[in-house]
């Protein structure tokens, strides 16, 4: 059966590095982008692929517009990769509850909103794979408190929802990463502009003493969301180069 793969955040650097593997699996691929500007990071051969349908979806939209867009575009999903996340500028402690709500909304609730749209159909089919991304910031006392709390919520959701939906052959997992240099992120720019600083930082932070890339993740990502995965469920898998 030809599966439908939905990627939320299809222009993220890690996802860009995964497309060659996804295309080989012969999926129907639906990939969201937040702005047309972000599409410039995607190789032309990927943009022109008949196996991938890119569509605009922005987490700053209201929930109703997000759902309406998914329905209007006739998006289908047997497999979902939730690849949107970040500090979104919320780096320091805020005394405004609205800031906390916004950070958690963008890192967590928007993904739950989208997943819920497709979960009932997954139950009917008795098949589904959902992947989240977490981060080492959950355990880093110096990391952004609002961002780390958001990712801790993601991890707890993965563990609990896996128990609820595992009986329906819906396997829900998360990959916990460290520092990854992807084409459109700040760490990638730093490897070019401040290579000596990055090299020293990685030696201090990561046991393999180098920054991560999408190549370090793409094969595992491909396997964990595929039918090859039949028993991993509710796992938070560290692929971080060995944090010190």
C-alpha atoms as a PDB file:
ATOM      1  CA  UNK A   1       0.000   0.000   0.000  1.00  0.00           C
ATOM      2  CA  UNK A   2       1.292   3.448  -0.925  1.00  0.00           C
ATOM      3  CA  UNK A   3       1.464   5.486   2.287  1.00  0.00           C
ATOM      4  CA  UNK A   4       0.830   9.203   2.724  1.00  0.00           C
ATOM      5  CA  UNK A   5       3.597  11.086   4.522  1.00  0.00           C
ATOM      6  CA  UNK A   6       2.825  14.496   6.015  1.00  0.00           C
ATOM      7  CA  UNK A   7       5.778  16.656   7.022  1.00  0.00           C
ATOM      8  CA  UNK A   8       4.922  19.674   9.145  1.00  0.00           C
ATOM      9  CA  UNK A   9       7.886  21.991   8.644  1.00  0.00           C
ATOM     10  CA  UNK A  10       9.040  20.635   5.308  1.00  0.00           C
ATOM     11  CA  UNK A  11      11.645  23.340   4.779  1.00  0.00           C
ATOM     12  CA  UNK A  12      13.581  22.653   7.981  1.00  0.00           C
ATOM     13  CA  UNK A  13      17.182  21.718   7.344  1.00  0.00           C
ATOM     14  CA  UNK A  14      16.868  18.226   8.760  1.00  0.00           C
ATOM     15  CA  UNK A  15      13.847  17.490   6.582  1.00  0.00           C
ATOM     16  CA  UNK A  16      15.568  18.807   3.462  1.00  0.00           C
ATOM     17  CA  UNK A  17      18.290  16.238   4.053  1.00  0.00           C
ATOM     18  CA  UNK A  18      15.700  13.450   4.328  1.00  0.00           C
ATOM     19  CA  UNK A  19      13.790  13.915   1.083  1.00  0.00           C
ATOM     20  CA  UNK A  20      16.024  11.647  -0.980  1.00  0.00           C
ATOM     21  CA  UNK A  21      15.251   8.784   1.413  1.00  0.00           C
ATOM     22  CA  UNK A  22      11.515   9.503   1.460  1.00  0.00           C
ATOM     23  CA  UNK A  23      11.328   9.591  -2.339  1.00  0.00           C
ATOM     24  CA  UNK A  24      12.913   6.145  -2.503  1.00  0.00           C
ATOM     25  CA  UNK A  25      10.081   4.825  -0.321  1.00  0.00           C
ATOM     26  CA  UNK A  26       7.539   5.854  -2.948  1.00  0.00           C
ATOM     27  CA  UNK A  27       5.387   7.797  -0.503  1.00  0.00           C
ATOM     28  CA  UNK A  28       2.793  10.392  -1.397  1.00  0.00           C
ATOM     29  CA  UNK A  29       4.541  13.288   0.337  1.00  0.00           C
ATOM     30  CA  UNK A  30       2.806  16.416   1.612  1.00  0.00           C
ATOM     31  CA  UNK A  31       5.218  19.005   3.029  1.00  0.00           C
ATOM     32  CA  UNK A  32       4.293  22.326   4.593  1.00  0.00           C
ATOM     33  CA  UNK A  33       6.193  25.583   4.368  1.00  0.00           C
ATOM     34  CA  UNK A  34       5.587  28.779   6.335  1.00  0.00           C
ATOM     35  CA  UNK A  35       6.576  31.216   3.591  1.00  0.00           C
ATOM     36  CA  UNK A  36       7.647  31.074  -0.050  1.00  0.00           C
ATOM     37  CA  UNK A  37      11.014  32.492   1.013  1.00  0.00           C
ATOM     38  CA  UNK A  38      11.768  29.282   2.917  1.00  0.00           C
ATOM     39  CA  UNK A  39      11.340  27.233  -0.275  1.00  0.00           C
ATOM     40  CA  UNK A  40      14.580  28.720  -1.593  1.00  0.00           C
ATOM     41  CA  UNK A  41      16.515  26.365   0.693  1.00  0.00           C
ATOM     42  CA  UNK A  42      15.134  23.285  -1.052  1.00  0.00           C
ATOM     43  CA  UNK A  43      17.057  21.852  -4.048  1.00  0.00           C
ATOM     44  CA  UNK A  44      15.267  22.303  -7.372  1.00  0.00           C
ATOM     45  CA  UNK A  45      15.149  18.571  -8.046  1.00  0.00           C
ATOM     46  CA  UNK A  46      13.155  18.139  -4.820  1.00  0.00           C
ATOM     47  CA  UNK A  47      10.807  21.026  -5.614  1.00  0.00           C
ATOM     48  CA  UNK A  48      10.141  19.556  -9.049  1.00  0.00           C
ATOM     49  CA  UNK A  49       9.530  16.029  -7.793  1.00  0.00           C
ATOM     50  CA  UNK A  50       6.070  14.742  -8.681  1.00  0.00           C
ATOM     51  CA  UNK A  51       6.062  12.727  -5.460  1.00  0.00           C
ATOM     52  CA  UNK A  52       6.024  15.818  -3.225  1.00  0.00           C
ATOM     53  CA  UNK A  53       3.260  18.379  -2.826  1.00  0.00           C
ATOM     54  CA  UNK A  54       4.406  21.524  -1.012  1.00  0.00           C
ATOM     55  CA  UNK A  55       1.720  23.697   0.567  1.00  0.00           C
ATOM     56  CA  UNK A  56       1.684  26.802   2.737  1.00  0.00           C
ATOM     57  CA  UNK A  57       0.822  26.398   6.406  1.00  0.00           C
ATOM     58  CA  UNK A  58       1.895  28.883   9.043  1.00  0.00           C
ATOM     59  CA  UNK A  59       1.704  28.240  12.791  1.00  0.00           C
ATOM     60  CA  UNK A  60       0.879  31.918  13.299  1.00  0.00           C
ATOM     61  CA  UNK A  61      -2.484  31.261  11.681  1.00  0.00           C
ATOM     62  CA  UNK A  62      -5.583  30.638  13.759  1.00  0.00           C
ATOM     63  CA  UNK A  63      -6.412  26.992  14.429  1.00  0.00           C
ATOM     64  CA  UNK A  64      -9.488  27.129  12.216  1.00  0.00           C
ATOM     65  CA  UNK A  65      -7.458  28.337   9.240  1.00  0.00           C
ATOM     66  CA  UNK A  66      -4.876  25.588   9.750  1.00  0.00           C
ATOM     67  CA  UNK A  67      -7.554  22.882   9.736  1.00  0.00           C
ATOM     68  CA  UNK A  68      -9.386  24.478   6.801  1.00  0.00           C
ATOM     69  CA  UNK A  69      -6.148  24.577   4.817  1.00  0.00           C
ATOM     70  CA  UNK A  70      -5.390  20.910   5.421  1.00  0.00           C
ATOM     71  CA  UNK A  71      -8.907  19.946   4.372  1.00  0.00           C
ATOM     72  CA  UNK A  72      -8.998  22.262   1.347  1.00  0.00           C
ATOM     73  CA  UNK A  73      -5.648  20.938   0.106  1.00  0.00           C
ATOM     74  CA  UNK A  74      -6.959  17.388   0.625  1.00  0.00           C
ATOM     75  CA  UNK A  75      -3.952  16.465   2.715  1.00  0.00           C
ATOM     76  CA  UNK A  76      -3.761  12.833   3.795  1.00  0.00           C
ATOM     77  CA  UNK A  77      -1.535  11.327   6.446  1.00  0.00           C
ATOM     78  CA  UNK A  78      -0.641   7.794   7.470  1.00  0.00           C
ATOM     79  CA  UNK A  79       2.748   9.024   8.679  1.00  0.00           C
ATOM     80  CA  UNK A  80       3.358  12.404  10.307  1.00  0.00           C
ATOM     81  CA  UNK A  81       6.656  14.105  11.057  1.00  0.00           C
ATOM     82  CA  UNK A  82       6.350  17.160  13.312  1.00  0.00           C
ATOM     83  CA  UNK A  83       9.407  19.242  12.457  1.00  0.00           C
ATOM     84  CA  UNK A  84       8.377  22.764  13.502  1.00  0.00           C
ATOM     85  CA  UNK A  85       9.925  24.050  16.715  1.00  0.00           C
ATOM     86  CA  UNK A  86      12.305  26.504  18.314  1.00  0.00           C
ATOM     87  CA  UNK A  87      12.611  29.288  20.837  1.00  0.00           C
ATOM     88  CA  UNK A  88      10.728  31.687  18.537  1.00  0.00           C
ATOM     89  CA  UNK A  89      12.595  34.488  20.307  1.00  0.00           C
ATOM     90  CA  UNK A  90      11.544  33.408  23.806  1.00  0.00           C
ATOM     91  CA  UNK A  91      15.018  32.993  25.296  1.00  0.00           C
ATOM     92  CA  UNK A  92      14.675  34.487  28.772  1.00  0.00           C
ATOM     93  CA  UNK A  93      12.221  33.998  31.606  1.00  0.00           C
ATOM     94  CA  UNK A  94       9.034  35.950  30.985  1.00  0.00           C
ATOM     95  CA  UNK A  95       6.587  37.173  33.599  1.00  0.00           C
ATOM     96  CA  UNK A  96       3.898  37.347  30.934  1.00  0.00           C
ATOM     97  CA  UNK A  97       1.748  34.231  30.835  1.00  0.00           C
ATOM     98  CA  UNK A  98       0.907  35.079  27.221  1.00  0.00           C
ATOM     99  CA  UNK A  99       4.571  34.534  26.269  1.00  0.00           C
ATOM    100  CA  UNK A 100       4.538  31.087  27.862  1.00  0.00           C
ATOM    101  CA  UNK A 101       1.290  30.233  26.137  1.00  0.00           C
ATOM    102  CA  UNK A 102       2.654  31.355  22.778  1.00  0.00           C
ATOM    103  CA  UNK A 103       5.889  29.359  23.049  1.00  0.00           C
ATOM    104  CA  UNK A 104       4.054  26.196  24.083  1.00  0.00           C
ATOM    105  CA  UNK A 105       1.421  26.798  21.408  1.00  0.00           C
ATOM    106  CA  UNK A 106       4.026  26.898  18.628  1.00  0.00           C
ATOM    107  CA  UNK A 107       6.102  23.969  19.895  1.00  0.00           C
ATOM    108  CA  UNK A 108       3.309  21.699  21.067  1.00  0.00           C
ATOM    109  CA  UNK A 109      -0.379  22.539  20.717  1.00  0.00           C
ATOM    110  CA  UNK A 110      -0.290  23.259  16.972  1.00  0.00           C
ATOM    111  CA  UNK A 111       1.176  19.797  16.400  1.00  0.00           C
ATOM    112  CA  UNK A 112      -1.471  18.169  18.583  1.00  0.00           C
ATOM    113  CA  UNK A 113      -4.140  20.061  16.642  1.00  0.00           C
ATOM    114  CA  UNK A 114      -2.878  18.657  13.336  1.00  0.00           C
ATOM    115  CA  UNK A 115      -2.277  15.137  14.651  1.00  0.00           C
ATOM    116  CA  UNK A 116      -5.826  15.001  16.041  1.00  0.00           C
ATOM    117  CA  UNK A 117      -7.207  15.694  12.579  1.00  0.00           C
ATOM    118  CA  UNK A 118      -5.689  12.477  11.257  1.00  0.00           C
ATOM    119  CA  UNK A 119      -5.676  10.176  14.289  1.00  0.00           C
ATOM    120  CA  UNK A 120      -9.259   8.956  13.869  1.00  0.00           C
ATOM    121  CA  UNK A 121      -8.545   7.818  10.321  1.00  0.00           C
ATOM    122  CA  UNK A 122      -5.368   6.098  11.524  1.00  0.00           C
ATOM    123  CA  UNK A 123      -7.452   4.220  14.073  1.00  0.00           C
ATOM    124  CA  UNK A 124      -9.844   3.060  11.332  1.00  0.00           C
ATOM    125  CA  UNK A 125      -6.927   1.864   9.192  1.00  0.00           C
ATOM    126  CA  UNK A 126      -5.206   0.326  12.215  1.00  0.00           C
ATOM    127  CA  UNK A 127      -1.985   1.982  11.138  1.00  0.00           C
ATOM    128  CA  UNK A 128      -0.127   5.185  11.881  1.00  0.00           C
ATOM    129  CA  UNK A 129       3.340   6.543  12.595  1.00  0.00           C
ATOM    130  CA  UNK A 130       3.930   9.901  14.289  1.00  0.00           C
ATOM    131  CA  UNK A 131       7.349  11.401  14.975  1.00  0.00           C
ATOM    132  CA  UNK A 132       8.225  14.420  17.090  1.00  0.00           C
ATOM    133  CA  UNK A 133      11.542  16.153  17.699  1.00  0.00           C
ATOM    134  CA  UNK A 134      12.771  16.921  21.183  1.00  0.00           C
ATOM    135  CA  UNK A 135      16.033  18.499  22.255  1.00  0.00           C
ATOM    136  CA  UNK A 136      18.820  18.290  24.802  1.00  0.00           C
ATOM    137  CA  UNK A 137      17.490  21.603  26.157  1.00  0.00           C
ATOM    138  CA  UNK A 138      15.013  19.591  28.248  1.00  0.00           C
ATOM    139  CA  UNK A 139      17.919  18.604  30.495  1.00  0.00           C
ATOM    140  CA  UNK A 140      20.105  21.697  30.069  1.00  0.00           C
ATOM    141  CA  UNK A 141      19.770  24.038  33.075  1.00  0.00           C
ATOM    142  CA  UNK A 142      21.117  26.951  31.020  1.00  0.00           C
ATOM    143  CA  UNK A 143      18.685  26.556  28.132  1.00  0.00           C
ATOM    144  CA  UNK A 144      15.669  28.761  27.484  1.00  0.00           C
ATOM    145  CA  UNK A 145      13.187  27.816  30.215  1.00  0.00           C
ATOM    146  CA  UNK A 146      10.073  28.256  28.076  1.00  0.00           C
ATOM    147  CA  UNK A 147      11.520  26.287  25.178  1.00  0.00           C
ATOM    148  CA  UNK A 148      12.777  23.487  27.413  1.00  0.00           C
ATOM    149  CA  UNK A 149       9.386  23.251  29.156  1.00  0.00           C
ATOM    150  CA  UNK A 150       7.696  23.039  25.748  1.00  0.00           C
ATOM    151  CA  UNK A 151       9.904  20.141  24.701  1.00  0.00           C
ATOM    152  CA  UNK A 152       9.410  18.400  28.055  1.00  0.00           C
ATOM    153  CA  UNK A 153       5.675  18.575  27.363  1.00  0.00           C
ATOM    154  CA  UNK A 154       6.266  17.023  23.927  1.00  0.00           C
ATOM    155  CA  UNK A 155       8.190  14.130  25.498  1.00  0.00           C
ATOM    156  CA  UNK A 156       5.454  13.438  28.039  1.00  0.00           C
ATOM    157  CA  UNK A 157       2.807  13.550  25.310  1.00  0.00           C
ATOM    158  CA  UNK A 158       4.766  11.006  23.260  1.00  0.00           C
ATOM    159  CA  UNK A 159       5.020   8.587  26.177  1.00  0.00           C
ATOM    160  CA  UNK A 160       1.365   8.876  27.184  1.00  0.00           C
ATOM    161  CA  UNK A 161      -0.231   8.955  23.714  1.00  0.00           C
ATOM    162  CA  UNK A 162       1.824   5.925  22.689  1.00  0.00           C
ATOM    163  CA  UNK A 163       0.099   3.956  25.450  1.00  0.00           C
ATOM    164  CA  UNK A 164      -3.321   5.132  24.291  1.00  0.00           C
ATOM    165  CA  UNK A 165      -2.899   4.435  20.570  1.00  0.00           C
ATOM    166  CA  UNK A 166      -0.430   1.560  20.523  1.00  0.00           C
ATOM    167  CA  UNK A 167      -3.258  -0.981  20.388  1.00  0.00           C
ATOM    168  CA  UNK A 168      -4.295   0.599  17.074  1.00  0.00           C
ATOM    169  CA  UNK A 169      -0.850   0.054  15.554  1.00  0.00           C
ATOM    170  CA  UNK A 170      -0.205   3.778  15.808  1.00  0.00           C
ATOM    171  CA  UNK A 171       3.377   4.178  16.967  1.00  0.00           C
ATOM    172  CA  UNK A 172       4.382   7.558  18.374  1.00  0.00           C
ATOM    173  CA  UNK A 173       8.023   8.405  19.086  1.00  0.00           C
ATOM    174  CA  UNK A 174      10.455  11.294  19.388  1.00  0.00           C
ATOM    175  CA  UNK A 175      14.052  11.897  18.420  1.00  0.00           C
ATOM    176  CA  UNK A 176      16.050  13.925  20.924  1.00  0.00           C
ATOM    177  CA  UNK A 177      18.828  15.834  19.200  1.00  0.00           C
ATOM    178  CA  UNK A 178      21.718  18.002  20.298  1.00  0.00           C
ATOM    179  CA  UNK A 179      23.374  20.549  18.017  1.00  0.00           C
ATOM    180  CA  UNK A 180      22.604  20.044  14.328  1.00  0.00           C
ATOM    181  CA  UNK A 181      23.890  22.196  11.492  1.00  0.00           C
ATOM    182  CA  UNK A 182      21.121  22.322   8.916  1.00  0.00           C
ATOM    183  CA  UNK A 183      21.218  24.520   5.846  1.00  0.00           C
ATOM    184  CA  UNK A 184      18.875  27.228   7.087  1.00  0.00           C
ATOM    185  CA  UNK A 185      19.713  27.423  10.791  1.00  0.00           C
ATOM    186  CA  UNK A 186      22.118  29.527  12.856  1.00  0.00           C
ATOM    187  CA  UNK A 187      24.458  26.652  13.658  1.00  0.00           C
ATOM    188  CA  UNK A 188      25.011  26.038   9.963  1.00  0.00           C
ATOM    189  CA  UNK A 189      25.917  29.710   9.497  1.00  0.00           C
ATOM    190  CA  UNK A 190      28.233  29.511  12.512  1.00  0.00           C
ATOM    191  CA  UNK A 191      30.155  26.578  11.000  1.00  0.00           C
ATOM    192  CA  UNK A 192      31.015  28.904   8.132  1.00  0.00           C
ATOM    193  CA  UNK A 193      31.478  32.206   9.939  1.00  0.00           C
ATOM    194  CA  UNK A 194      32.910  30.983  13.271  1.00  0.00           C
ATOM    195  CA  UNK A 195      34.344  27.559  12.521  1.00  0.00           C
ATOM    196  CA  UNK A 196      36.995  27.622  15.290  1.00  0.00           C
ATOM    197  CA  UNK A 197      34.371  28.590  17.882  1.00  0.00           C
ATOM    198  CA  UNK A 198      32.017  25.801  16.753  1.00  0.00           C
ATOM    199  CA  UNK A 199      34.810  23.206  16.729  1.00  0.00           C
ATOM    200  CA  UNK A 200      35.811  24.089  20.292  1.00  0.00           C
ATOM    201  CA  UNK A 201      32.200  24.171  21.458  1.00  0.00           C
ATOM    202  CA  UNK A 202      31.527  20.713  20.050  1.00  0.00           C
ATOM    203  CA  UNK A 203      34.638  19.256  21.712  1.00  0.00           C
ATOM    204  CA  UNK A 204      33.377  20.592  25.034  1.00  0.00           C
ATOM    205  CA  UNK A 205      29.750  19.560  24.519  1.00  0.00           C
ATOM    206  CA  UNK A 206      29.618  16.361  22.440  1.00  0.00           C
ATOM    207  CA  UNK A 207      31.660  13.183  22.860  1.00  0.00           C
ATOM    208  CA  UNK A 208      32.118  12.602  19.105  1.00  0.00           C
ATOM    209  CA  UNK A 209      33.523  16.146  19.051  1.00  0.00           C
ATOM    210  CA  UNK A 210      31.696  17.439  15.991  1.00  0.00           C
ATOM    211  CA  UNK A 211      28.437  19.089  15.097  1.00  0.00           C
ATOM    212  CA  UNK A 212      25.553  16.930  13.854  1.00  0.00           C
ATOM    213  CA  UNK A 213      24.119  17.000  10.327  1.00  0.00           C
ATOM    214  CA  UNK A 214      20.976  15.745   8.643  1.00  0.00           C
ATOM    215  CA  UNK A 215      22.997  12.781   7.341  1.00  0.00           C
ATOM    216  CA  UNK A 216      23.381  11.641  10.950  1.00  0.00           C
ATOM    217  CA  UNK A 217      19.600  11.498  11.338  1.00  0.00           C
ATOM    218  CA  UNK A 218      17.957  10.797   7.982  1.00  0.00           C
ATOM    219  CA  UNK A 219      18.306   7.006   7.865  1.00  0.00           C
ATOM    220  CA  UNK A 220      16.876   6.579  11.341  1.00  0.00           C
ATOM    221  CA  UNK A 221      14.080   9.056  10.667  1.00  0.00           C
ATOM    222  CA  UNK A 222      13.175   7.124   7.529  1.00  0.00           C
ATOM    223  CA  UNK A 223      13.041   3.827   9.425  1.00  0.00           C
ATOM    224  CA  UNK A 224      11.167   5.027  12.509  1.00  0.00           C
ATOM    225  CA  UNK A 225       8.236   6.415  10.489  1.00  0.00           C
ATOM    226  CA  UNK A 226       8.082   3.488   8.072  1.00  0.00           C
ATOM    227  CA  UNK A 227       6.459   0.079   8.258  1.00  0.00           C
ATOM    228  CA  UNK A 228       9.878  -1.285   9.187  1.00  0.00           C
ATOM    229  CA  UNK A 229       9.145   0.017  12.663  1.00  0.00           C
ATOM    230  CA  UNK A 230       6.748  -2.466  14.208  1.00  0.00           C
ATOM    231  CA  UNK A 231       7.644  -2.323  17.904  1.00  0.00           C
ATOM    232  CA  UNK A 232       9.249   1.000  18.876  1.00  0.00           C
ATOM    233  CA  UNK A 233       6.555   3.042  20.584  1.00  0.00           C
ATOM    234  CA  UNK A 234       6.612   5.822  23.162  1.00  0.00           C
ATOM    235  CA  UNK A 235      10.384   6.143  22.905  1.00  0.00           C
ATOM    236  CA  UNK A 236      12.479   9.279  23.269  1.00  0.00           C
ATOM    237  CA  UNK A 237      15.567   8.290  21.290  1.00  0.00           C
ATOM    238  CA  UNK A 238      18.760  10.252  21.832  1.00  0.00           C
ATOM    239  CA  UNK A 239      20.644  10.882  18.596  1.00  0.00           C
ATOM    240  CA  UNK A 240      22.936  13.561  19.910  1.00  0.00           C
ATOM    241  CA  UNK A 241      26.526  12.475  19.373  1.00  0.00           C
ATOM    242  CA  UNK A 242      26.830  11.628  23.049  1.00  0.00           C
ATOM    243  CA  UNK A 243      26.213  14.709  25.160  1.00  0.00           C
ATOM    244  CA  UNK A 244      28.818  15.193  27.884  1.00  0.00           C
END
